[in-house]
Amino acid sequence: MSRLLEAVCALTIGVLVALLVWGANPAAVRVAWREGEMSGVTVVFVAASALWLVLWRRRTGRGPAWPLAVLLCGAAVVLVVAAMAG
């Protein structure tokens, strides 16, 4: 069950990134970001990234994952904000 959830998280991340990069008009994404309509997508992306990382680390047995998960989520948020602000 854990591997299935891990795969679903990875697929969710991949689909969100693909839709944002290939399927979106950059000007429309900036407008949606400024109006606050992208907050749900950002929350789903960060939550799926953190959950995937925790599940993967638990499966591989590589120590506590919280510092790396926090770093990954912070980096994702910073990259999204930087991309939308420019």
PDB file of N, CA and C in Angstrom:
ATOM      1  N   MET A   1       0.824  -1.192   0.000  1.00  0.00           N
ATOM      2  CA  MET A   1       0.000   0.000   0.000  1.00  0.00           C
ATOM      3  C   MET A   1       0.869   1.256   0.000  1.00  0.00           C
ATOM      4  N   SER A   2       1.977   1.193   0.708  1.00  0.00           N
ATOM      5  CA  SER A   2       2.878   2.341   0.774  1.00  0.00           C
ATOM      6  C   SER A   2       3.482   2.649  -0.589  1.00  0.00           C
ATOM      7  N   ARG A   3       3.840   1.596  -1.333  1.00  0.00           N
ATOM      8  CA  ARG A   3       4.415   1.808  -2.672  1.00  0.00           C
ATOM      9  C   ARG A   3       3.386   2.389  -3.631  1.00  0.00           C
ATOM     10  N   LEU A   4       2.130   1.989  -3.485  1.00  0.00           N
ATOM     11  CA  LEU A   4       1.073   2.535  -4.326  1.00  0.00           C
ATOM     12  C   LEU A   4       0.875   4.021  -4.037  1.00  0.00           C
ATOM     13  N   LEU A   5       0.847   4.393  -2.769  1.00  0.00           N
ATOM     14  CA  LEU A   5       0.719   5.794  -2.395  1.00  0.00           C
ATOM     15  C   LEU A   5       1.924   6.602  -2.870  1.00  0.00           C
ATOM     16  N   GLU A   6       3.095   6.007  -2.787  1.00  0.00           N
ATOM     17  CA  GLU A   6       4.307   6.663  -3.286  1.00  0.00           C
ATOM     18  C   GLU A   6       4.210   6.906  -4.790  1.00  0.00           C
ATOM     19  N   ALA A   7       3.710   5.935  -5.524  1.00  0.00           N
ATOM     20  CA  ALA A   7       3.550   6.080  -6.973  1.00  0.00           C
ATOM     21  C   ALA A   7       2.504   7.136  -7.312  1.00  0.00           C
ATOM     22  N   VAL A   8       1.425   7.185  -6.565  1.00  0.00           N
ATOM     23  CA  VAL A   8       0.386   8.195  -6.795  1.00  0.00           C
ATOM     24  C   VAL A   8       0.942   9.592  -6.548  1.00  0.00           C
ATOM     25  N   CYS A   9       1.731   9.756  -5.498  1.00  0.00           N
ATOM     26  CA  CYS A   9       2.346  11.060  -5.219  1.00  0.00           C
ATOM     27  C   CYS A   9       3.295  11.468  -6.337  1.00  0.00           C
ATOM     28  N   ALA A  10       4.121  10.548  -6.790  1.00  0.00           N
ATOM     29  CA  ALA A  10       5.057  10.864  -7.868  1.00  0.00           C
ATOM     30  C   ALA A  10       4.311  11.205  -9.155  1.00  0.00           C
ATOM     31  N   LEU A  11       3.239  10.494  -9.442  1.00  0.00           N
ATOM     32  CA  LEU A  11       2.443  10.781 -10.628  1.00  0.00           C
ATOM     33  C   LEU A  11       1.769  12.150 -10.521  1.00  0.00           C
ATOM     34  N   THR A  12       1.261  12.474  -9.357  1.00  0.00           N
ATOM     35  CA  THR A  12       0.629  13.781  -9.136  1.00  0.00           C
ATOM     36  C   THR A  12       1.627  14.902  -9.364  1.00  0.00           C
ATOM     37  N   ILE A  13       2.819  14.748  -8.835  1.00  0.00           N
ATOM     38  CA  ILE A  13       3.862  15.759  -9.022  1.00  0.00           C
ATOM     39  C   ILE A  13       4.194  15.906 -10.503  1.00  0.00           C
ATOM     40  N   GLY A  14       4.360  14.792 -11.174  1.00  0.00           N
ATOM     41  CA  GLY A  14       4.686  14.831 -12.600  1.00  0.00           C
ATOM     42  C   GLY A  14       3.603  15.486 -13.436  1.00  0.00           C
ATOM     43  N   VAL A  15       2.353  15.179 -13.159  1.00  0.00           N
ATOM     44  CA  VAL A  15       1.249  15.762 -13.917  1.00  0.00           C
ATOM     45  C   VAL A  15       1.152  17.264 -13.669  1.00  0.00           C
ATOM     46  N   LEU A  16       1.285  17.687 -12.418  1.00  0.00           N
ATOM     47  CA  LEU A  16       1.216  19.112 -12.116  1.00  0.00           C
ATOM     48  C   LEU A  16       2.336  19.882 -12.796  1.00  0.00           C
ATOM     49  N   VAL A  17       3.532  19.340 -12.750  1.00  0.00           N
ATOM     50  CA  VAL A  17       4.663  20.013 -13.394  1.00  0.00           C
ATOM     51  C   VAL A  17       4.464  20.052 -14.912  1.00  0.00           C
ATOM     52  N   ALA A  18       4.033  18.947 -15.496  1.00  0.00           N
ATOM     53  CA  ALA A  18       3.827  18.910 -16.943  1.00  0.00           C
ATOM     54  C   ALA A  18       2.745  19.892 -17.377  1.00  0.00           C
ATOM     55  N   LEU A  19       1.659  19.944 -16.632  1.00  0.00           N
ATOM     56  CA  LEU A  19       0.596  20.886 -16.978  1.00  0.00           C
ATOM     57  C   LEU A  19       1.059  22.332 -16.842  1.00  0.00           C
ATOM     58  N   LEU A  20       1.817  22.602 -15.815  1.00  0.00           N
ATOM     59  CA  LEU A  20       2.273  23.972 -15.595  1.00  0.00           C
ATOM     60  C   LEU A  20       3.303  24.387 -16.632  1.00  0.00           C
ATOM     61  N   VAL A  21       4.196  23.477 -17.007  1.00  0.00           N
ATOM     62  CA  VAL A  21       5.275  23.828 -17.931  1.00  0.00           C
ATOM     63  C   VAL A  21       4.797  23.823 -19.380  1.00  0.00           C
ATOM     64  N   TRP A  22       4.097  22.767 -19.781  1.00  0.00           N
ATOM     65  CA  TRP A  22       3.772  22.614 -21.192  1.00  0.00           C
ATOM     66  C   TRP A  22       2.378  23.108 -21.568  1.00  0.00           C
ATOM     67  N   GLY A  23       1.453  23.004 -20.655  1.00  0.00           N
ATOM     68  CA  GLY A  23       0.077  23.280 -21.038  1.00  0.00           C
ATOM     69  C   GLY A  23      -0.457  24.636 -20.656  1.00  0.00           C
ATOM     70  N   ALA A  24       0.343  25.465 -20.036  1.00  0.00           N
ATOM     71  CA  ALA A  24      -0.173  26.723 -19.529  1.00  0.00           C
ATOM     72  C   ALA A  24       0.408  27.912 -20.290  1.00  0.00           C
ATOM     73  N   ASN A  25      -0.406  28.909 -20.407  1.00  0.00           N
ATOM     74  CA  ASN A  25       0.024  30.174 -20.958  1.00  0.00           C
ATOM     75  C   ASN A  25       0.710  30.949 -19.824  1.00  0.00           C
ATOM     76  N   PRO A  26       1.978  31.313 -19.968  1.00  0.00           N
ATOM     77  CA  PRO A  26       2.681  31.986 -18.867  1.00  0.00           C
ATOM     78  C   PRO A  26       2.001  33.268 -18.375  1.00  0.00           C
ATOM     79  N   ALA A  27       1.434  34.025 -19.263  1.00  0.00           N
ATOM     80  CA  ALA A  27       0.756  35.252 -18.842  1.00  0.00           C
ATOM     81  C   ALA A  27      -0.490  34.925 -18.014  1.00  0.00           C
ATOM     82  N   ALA A  28      -1.231  33.916 -18.427  1.00  0.00           N
ATOM     83  CA  ALA A  28      -2.421  33.525 -17.675  1.00  0.00           C
ATOM     84  C   ALA A  28      -2.054  32.957 -16.308  1.00  0.00           C
ATOM     85  N   VAL A  29      -0.949  32.231 -16.236  1.00  0.00           N
ATOM     86  CA  VAL A  29      -0.504  31.689 -14.951  1.00  0.00           C
ATOM     87  C   VAL A  29      -0.103  32.821 -14.012  1.00  0.00           C
ATOM     88  N   ARG A  30       0.575  33.832 -14.527  1.00  0.00           N
ATOM     89  CA  ARG A  30       0.952  34.976 -13.686  1.00  0.00           C
ATOM     90  C   ARG A  30      -0.275  35.706 -13.150  1.00  0.00           C
ATOM     91  N   VAL A  31      -1.275  35.895 -13.988  1.00  0.00           N
ATOM     92  CA  VAL A  31      -2.506  36.555 -13.552  1.00  0.00           C
ATOM     93  C   VAL A  31      -3.207  35.713 -12.491  1.00  0.00           C
ATOM     94  N   ALA A  32      -3.288  34.409 -12.723  1.00  0.00           N
ATOM     95  CA  ALA A  32      -3.923  33.522 -11.745  1.00  0.00           C
ATOM     96  C   ALA A  32      -3.154  33.526 -10.429  1.00  0.00           C
ATOM     97  N   TRP A  33      -1.834  33.581 -10.508  1.00  0.00           N
ATOM     98  CA  TRP A  33      -1.016  33.616  -9.286  1.00  0.00           C
ATOM     99  C   TRP A  33      -1.277  34.897  -8.507  1.00  0.00           C
ATOM    100  N   ARG A  34      -1.308  36.019  -9.206  1.00  0.00           N
ATOM    101  CA  ARG A  34      -1.515  37.316  -8.534  1.00  0.00           C
ATOM    102  C   ARG A  34      -2.902  37.422  -7.922  1.00  0.00           C
ATOM    103  N   GLU A  35      -3.880  36.750  -8.504  1.00  0.00           N
ATOM    104  CA  GLU A  35      -5.242  36.797  -7.971  1.00  0.00           C
ATOM    105  C   GLU A  35      -5.487  35.742  -6.902  1.00  0.00           C
ATOM    106  N   GLY A  36      -4.488  34.928  -6.613  1.00  0.00           N
ATOM    107  CA  GLY A  36      -4.602  33.939  -5.549  1.00  0.00           C
ATOM    108  C   GLY A  36      -5.262  32.642  -5.950  1.00  0.00           C
ATOM    109  N   GLU A  37      -5.409  32.399  -7.230  1.00  0.00           N
ATOM    110  CA  GLU A  37      -6.074  31.189  -7.691  1.00  0.00           C
ATOM    111  C   GLU A  37      -5.139  29.992  -7.791  1.00  0.00           C
ATOM    112  N   MET A  38      -3.845  30.201  -7.595  1.00  0.00           N
ATOM    113  CA  MET A  38      -2.871  29.106  -7.689  1.00  0.00           C
ATOM    114  C   MET A  38      -2.525  28.510  -6.331  1.00  0.00           C
ATOM    115  N   SER A  39      -3.112  29.029  -5.270  1.00  0.00           N
ATOM    116  CA  SER A  39      -2.736  28.548  -3.943  1.00  0.00           C
ATOM    117  C   SER A  39      -3.096  27.083  -3.744  1.00  0.00           C
ATOM    118  N   GLY A  40      -4.214  26.634  -4.271  1.00  0.00           N
ATOM    119  CA  GLY A  40      -4.592  25.227  -4.140  1.00  0.00           C
ATOM    120  C   GLY A  40      -3.629  24.302  -4.855  1.00  0.00           C
ATOM    121  N   VAL A  41      -3.201  24.699  -6.043  1.00  0.00           N
ATOM    122  CA  VAL A  41      -2.241  23.899  -6.802  1.00  0.00           C
ATOM    123  C   VAL A  41      -0.909  23.832  -6.071  1.00  0.00           C
ATOM    124  N   THR A  42      -0.492  24.961  -5.500  1.00  0.00           N
ATOM    125  CA  THR A  42       0.770  25.000  -4.763  1.00  0.00           C
ATOM    126  C   THR A  42       0.709  24.103  -3.536  1.00  0.00           C
ATOM    127  N   VAL A  43      -0.395  24.123  -2.824  1.00  0.00           N
ATOM    128  CA  VAL A  43      -0.548  23.280  -1.637  1.00  0.00           C
ATOM    129  C   VAL A  43      -0.514  21.803  -2.023  1.00  0.00           C
ATOM    130  N   VAL A  44      -1.207  21.434  -3.092  1.00  0.00           N
ATOM    131  CA  VAL A  44      -1.207  20.036  -3.532  1.00  0.00           C
ATOM    132  C   VAL A  44       0.197  19.611  -3.949  1.00  0.00           C
ATOM    133  N   PHE A  45       0.903  20.475  -4.679  1.00  0.00           N
ATOM    134  CA  PHE A  45       2.258  20.153  -5.125  1.00  0.00           C
ATOM    135  C   PHE A  45       3.195  19.951  -3.935  1.00  0.00           C
ATOM    136  N   VAL A  46       3.161  20.863  -2.979  1.00  0.00           N
ATOM    137  CA  VAL A  46       4.052  20.760  -1.819  1.00  0.00           C
ATOM    138  C   VAL A  46       3.693  19.548  -0.967  1.00  0.00           C
ATOM    139  N   ALA A  47       2.407  19.301  -0.755  1.00  0.00           N
ATOM    140  CA  ALA A  47       1.995  18.149   0.054  1.00  0.00           C
ATOM    141  C   ALA A  47       2.371  16.833  -0.628  1.00  0.00           C
ATOM    142  N   ALA A  48       2.158  16.745  -1.937  1.00  0.00           N
ATOM    143  CA  ALA A  48       2.517  15.510  -2.655  1.00  0.00           C
ATOM    144  C   ALA A  48       4.027  15.302  -2.648  1.00  0.00           C
ATOM    145  N   SER A  49       4.791  16.381  -2.786  1.00  0.00           N
ATOM    146  CA  SER A  49       6.254  16.267  -2.752  1.00  0.00           C
ATOM    147  C   SER A  49       6.739  15.784  -1.388  1.00  0.00           C
ATOM    148  N   ALA A  50       6.207  16.379  -0.332  1.00  0.00           N
ATOM    149  CA  ALA A  50       6.629  15.993   1.011  1.00  0.00           C
ATOM    150  C   ALA A  50       6.227  14.555   1.319  1.00  0.00           C
ATOM    151  N   LEU A  51       5.004  14.173   0.972  1.00  0.00           N
ATOM    152  CA  LEU A  51       4.550  12.803   1.245  1.00  0.00           C
ATOM    153  C   LEU A  51       5.351  11.793   0.447  1.00  0.00           C
ATOM    154  N   TRP A  52       5.610  12.089  -0.815  1.00  0.00           N
ATOM    155  CA  TRP A  52       6.418  11.180  -1.631  1.00  0.00           C
ATOM    156  C   TRP A  52       7.804  11.010  -1.034  1.00  0.00           C
ATOM    157  N   LEU A  53       8.418  12.108  -0.621  1.00  0.00           N
ATOM    158  CA  LEU A  53       9.754  12.032  -0.043  1.00  0.00           C
ATOM    159  C   LEU A  53       9.758  11.209   1.245  1.00  0.00           C
ATOM    160  N   VAL A  54       8.783  11.430   2.106  1.00  0.00           N
ATOM    161  CA  VAL A  54       8.715  10.683   3.365  1.00  0.00           C
ATOM    162  C   VAL A  54       8.509   9.195   3.089  1.00  0.00           C
ATOM    163  N   LEU A  55       7.602   8.856   2.181  1.00  0.00           N
ATOM    164  CA  LEU A  55       7.355   7.439   1.868  1.00  0.00           C
ATOM    165  C   LEU A  55       8.577   6.783   1.239  1.00  0.00           C
ATOM    166  N   TRP A  56       9.232   7.489   0.352  1.00  0.00           N
ATOM    167  CA  TRP A  56      10.422   6.943  -0.286  1.00  0.00           C
ATOM    168  C   TRP A  56      11.539   6.719   0.728  1.00  0.00           C
ATOM    169  N   ARG A  57      11.732   7.690   1.620  1.00  0.00           N
ATOM    170  CA  ARG A  57      12.776   7.549   2.638  1.00  0.00           C
ATOM    171  C   ARG A  57      12.445   6.424   3.612  1.00  0.00           C
ATOM    172  N   ARG A  58      11.175   6.262   3.946  1.00  0.00           N
ATOM    173  CA  ARG A  58      10.779   5.181   4.849  1.00  0.00           C
ATOM    174  C   ARG A  58      11.007   3.822   4.197  1.00  0.00           C
ATOM    175  N   ARG A  59      10.689   3.723   2.904  1.00  0.00           N
ATOM    176  CA  ARG A  59      10.857   2.455   2.195  1.00  0.00           C
ATOM    177  C   ARG A  59      12.331   2.093   2.053  1.00  0.00           C
ATOM    178  N   THR A  60      13.179   3.070   1.784  1.00  0.00           N
ATOM    179  CA  THR A  60      14.596   2.790   1.602  1.00  0.00           C
ATOM    180  C   THR A  60      15.357   2.742   2.914  1.00  0.00           C
ATOM    181  N   GLY A  61      14.755   3.221   4.004  1.00  0.00           N
ATOM    182  CA  GLY A  61      15.385   3.158   5.315  1.00  0.00           C
ATOM    183  C   GLY A  61      16.537   4.124   5.506  1.00  0.00           C
ATOM    184  N   ARG A  62      16.423   5.297   4.978  1.00  0.00           N
ATOM    185  CA  ARG A  62      17.507   6.270   5.058  1.00  0.00           C
ATOM    186  C   ARG A  62      17.247   7.370   6.082  1.00  0.00           C
ATOM    187  N   GLY A  63      17.199   7.080   7.324  1.00  0.00           N
ATOM    188  CA  GLY A  63      17.136   8.074   8.392  1.00  0.00           C
ATOM    189  C   GLY A  63      15.912   8.977   8.350  1.00  0.00           C
ATOM    190  N   PRO A  64      15.892   9.979   9.224  1.00  0.00           N
ATOM    191  CA  PRO A  64      14.745  10.876   9.287  1.00  0.00           C
ATOM    192  C   PRO A  64      14.651  11.759   8.048  1.00  0.00           C
ATOM    193  N   ALA A  65      13.450  11.934   7.540  1.00  0.00           N
ATOM    194  CA  ALA A  65      13.257  12.660   6.292  1.00  0.00           C
ATOM    195  C   ALA A  65      12.788  14.094   6.491  1.00  0.00           C
ATOM    196  N   TRP A  66      12.483  14.490   7.717  1.00  0.00           N
ATOM    197  CA  TRP A  66      11.881  15.813   7.909  1.00  0.00           C
ATOM    198  C   TRP A  66      12.779  16.969   7.484  1.00  0.00           C
ATOM    199  N   PRO A  67      14.052  16.986   7.799  1.00  0.00           N
ATOM    200  CA  PRO A  67      14.853  18.129   7.331  1.00  0.00           C
ATOM    201  C   PRO A  67      14.890  18.240   5.809  1.00  0.00           C
ATOM    202  N   LEU A  68      15.002  17.119   5.140  1.00  0.00           N
ATOM    203  CA  LEU A  68      15.036  17.142   3.684  1.00  0.00           C
ATOM    204  C   LEU A  68      13.668  17.490   3.108  1.00  0.00           C
ATOM    205  N   ALA A  69      12.601  17.024   3.722  1.00  0.00           N
ATOM    206  CA  ALA A  69      11.247  17.348   3.258  1.00  0.00           C
ATOM    207  C   ALA A  69      10.966  18.834   3.392  1.00  0.00           C
ATOM    208  N   VAL A  70      11.366  19.415   4.508  1.00  0.00           N
ATOM    209  CA  VAL A  70      11.174  20.852   4.699  1.00  0.00           C
ATOM    210  C   VAL A  70      11.980  21.639   3.669  1.00  0.00           C
ATOM    211  N   LEU A  71      13.197  21.204   3.415  1.00  0.00           N
ATOM    212  CA  LEU A  71      14.037  21.866   2.426  1.00  0.00           C
ATOM    213  C   LEU A  71      13.421  21.748   1.027  1.00  0.00           C
ATOM    214  N   LEU A  72      12.924  20.583   0.670  1.00  0.00           N
ATOM    215  CA  LEU A  72      12.305  20.378  -0.634  1.00  0.00           C
ATOM    216  C   LEU A  72      11.053  21.235  -0.794  1.00  0.00           C
ATOM    217  N   CYS A  73      10.216  21.253   0.213  1.00  0.00           N
ATOM    218  CA  CYS A  73       8.984  22.049   0.138  1.00  0.00           C
ATOM    219  C   CYS A  73       9.296  23.540   0.055  1.00  0.00           C
ATOM    220  N   GLY A  74      10.246  23.975   0.838  1.00  0.00           N
ATOM    221  CA  GLY A  74      10.646  25.382   0.783  1.00  0.00           C
ATOM    222  C   GLY A  74      11.201  25.756  -0.569  1.00  0.00           C
ATOM    223  N   ALA A  75      12.012  24.894  -1.138  1.00  0.00           N
ATOM    224  CA  ALA A  75      12.585  25.164  -2.457  1.00  0.00           C
ATOM    225  C   ALA A  75      11.501  25.199  -3.528  1.00  0.00           C
ATOM    226  N   ALA A  76      10.522  24.304  -3.438  1.00  0.00           N
ATOM    227  CA  ALA A  76       9.433  24.288  -4.409  1.00  0.00           C
ATOM    228  C   ALA A  76       8.621  25.577  -4.336  1.00  0.00           C
ATOM    229  N   VAL A  77       8.330  26.021  -3.138  1.00  0.00           N
ATOM    230  CA  VAL A  77       7.562  27.253  -2.979  1.00  0.00           C
ATOM    231  C   VAL A  77       8.350  28.444  -3.503  1.00  0.00           C
ATOM    232  N   VAL A  78       9.623  28.508  -3.180  1.00  0.00           N
ATOM    233  CA  VAL A  78      10.456  29.614  -3.656  1.00  0.00           C
ATOM    234  C   VAL A  78      10.541  29.615  -5.175  1.00  0.00           C
ATOM    235  N   LEU A  79      10.704  28.461  -5.792  1.00  0.00           N
ATOM    236  CA  LEU A  79      10.777  28.400  -7.250  1.00  0.00           C
ATOM    237  C   LEU A  79       9.465  28.808  -7.910  1.00  0.00           C
ATOM    238  N   VAL A  80       8.355  28.368  -7.349  1.00  0.00           N
ATOM    239  CA  VAL A  80       7.053  28.742  -7.924  1.00  0.00           C
ATOM    240  C   VAL A  80       6.831  30.246  -7.801  1.00  0.00           C
ATOM    241  N   VAL A  81       7.128  30.793  -6.630  1.00  0.00           N
ATOM    242  CA  VAL A  81       6.933  32.235  -6.425  1.00  0.00           C
ATOM    243  C   VAL A  81       7.865  33.027  -7.340  1.00  0.00           C
ATOM    244  N   ALA A  82       9.112  32.601  -7.468  1.00  0.00           N
ATOM    245  CA  ALA A  82      10.053  33.308  -8.327  1.00  0.00           C
ATOM    246  C   ALA A  82       9.627  33.229  -9.791  1.00  0.00           C
ATOM    247  N   ALA A  83       9.129  32.082 -10.223  1.00  0.00           N
ATOM    248  CA  ALA A  83       8.710  31.931 -11.609  1.00  0.00           C
ATOM    249  C   ALA A  83       7.485  32.785 -11.916  1.00  0.00           C
ATOM    250  N   MET A  84       6.576  32.868 -10.969  1.00  0.00           N
ATOM    251  CA  MET A  84       5.352  33.626 -11.201  1.00  0.00           C
ATOM    252  C   MET A  84       5.561  35.139 -11.061  1.00  0.00           C
ATOM    253  N   ALA A  85       6.493  35.537 -10.244  1.00  0.00           N
ATOM    254  CA  ALA A  85       6.730  36.970 -10.029  1.00  0.00           C
ATOM    255  C   ALA A  85       7.423  37.611 -11.218  1.00  0.00           C
ATOM    256  N   GLY A  86       8.228  36.824 -11.926  1.00  0.00           N
ATOM    257  CA  GLY A  86       9.008  37.375 -13.034  1.00  0.00           C
ATOM    258  C   GLY A  86       8.199  37.464 -14.235  1.00  0.00           C
TER     259      GLY A  86
END
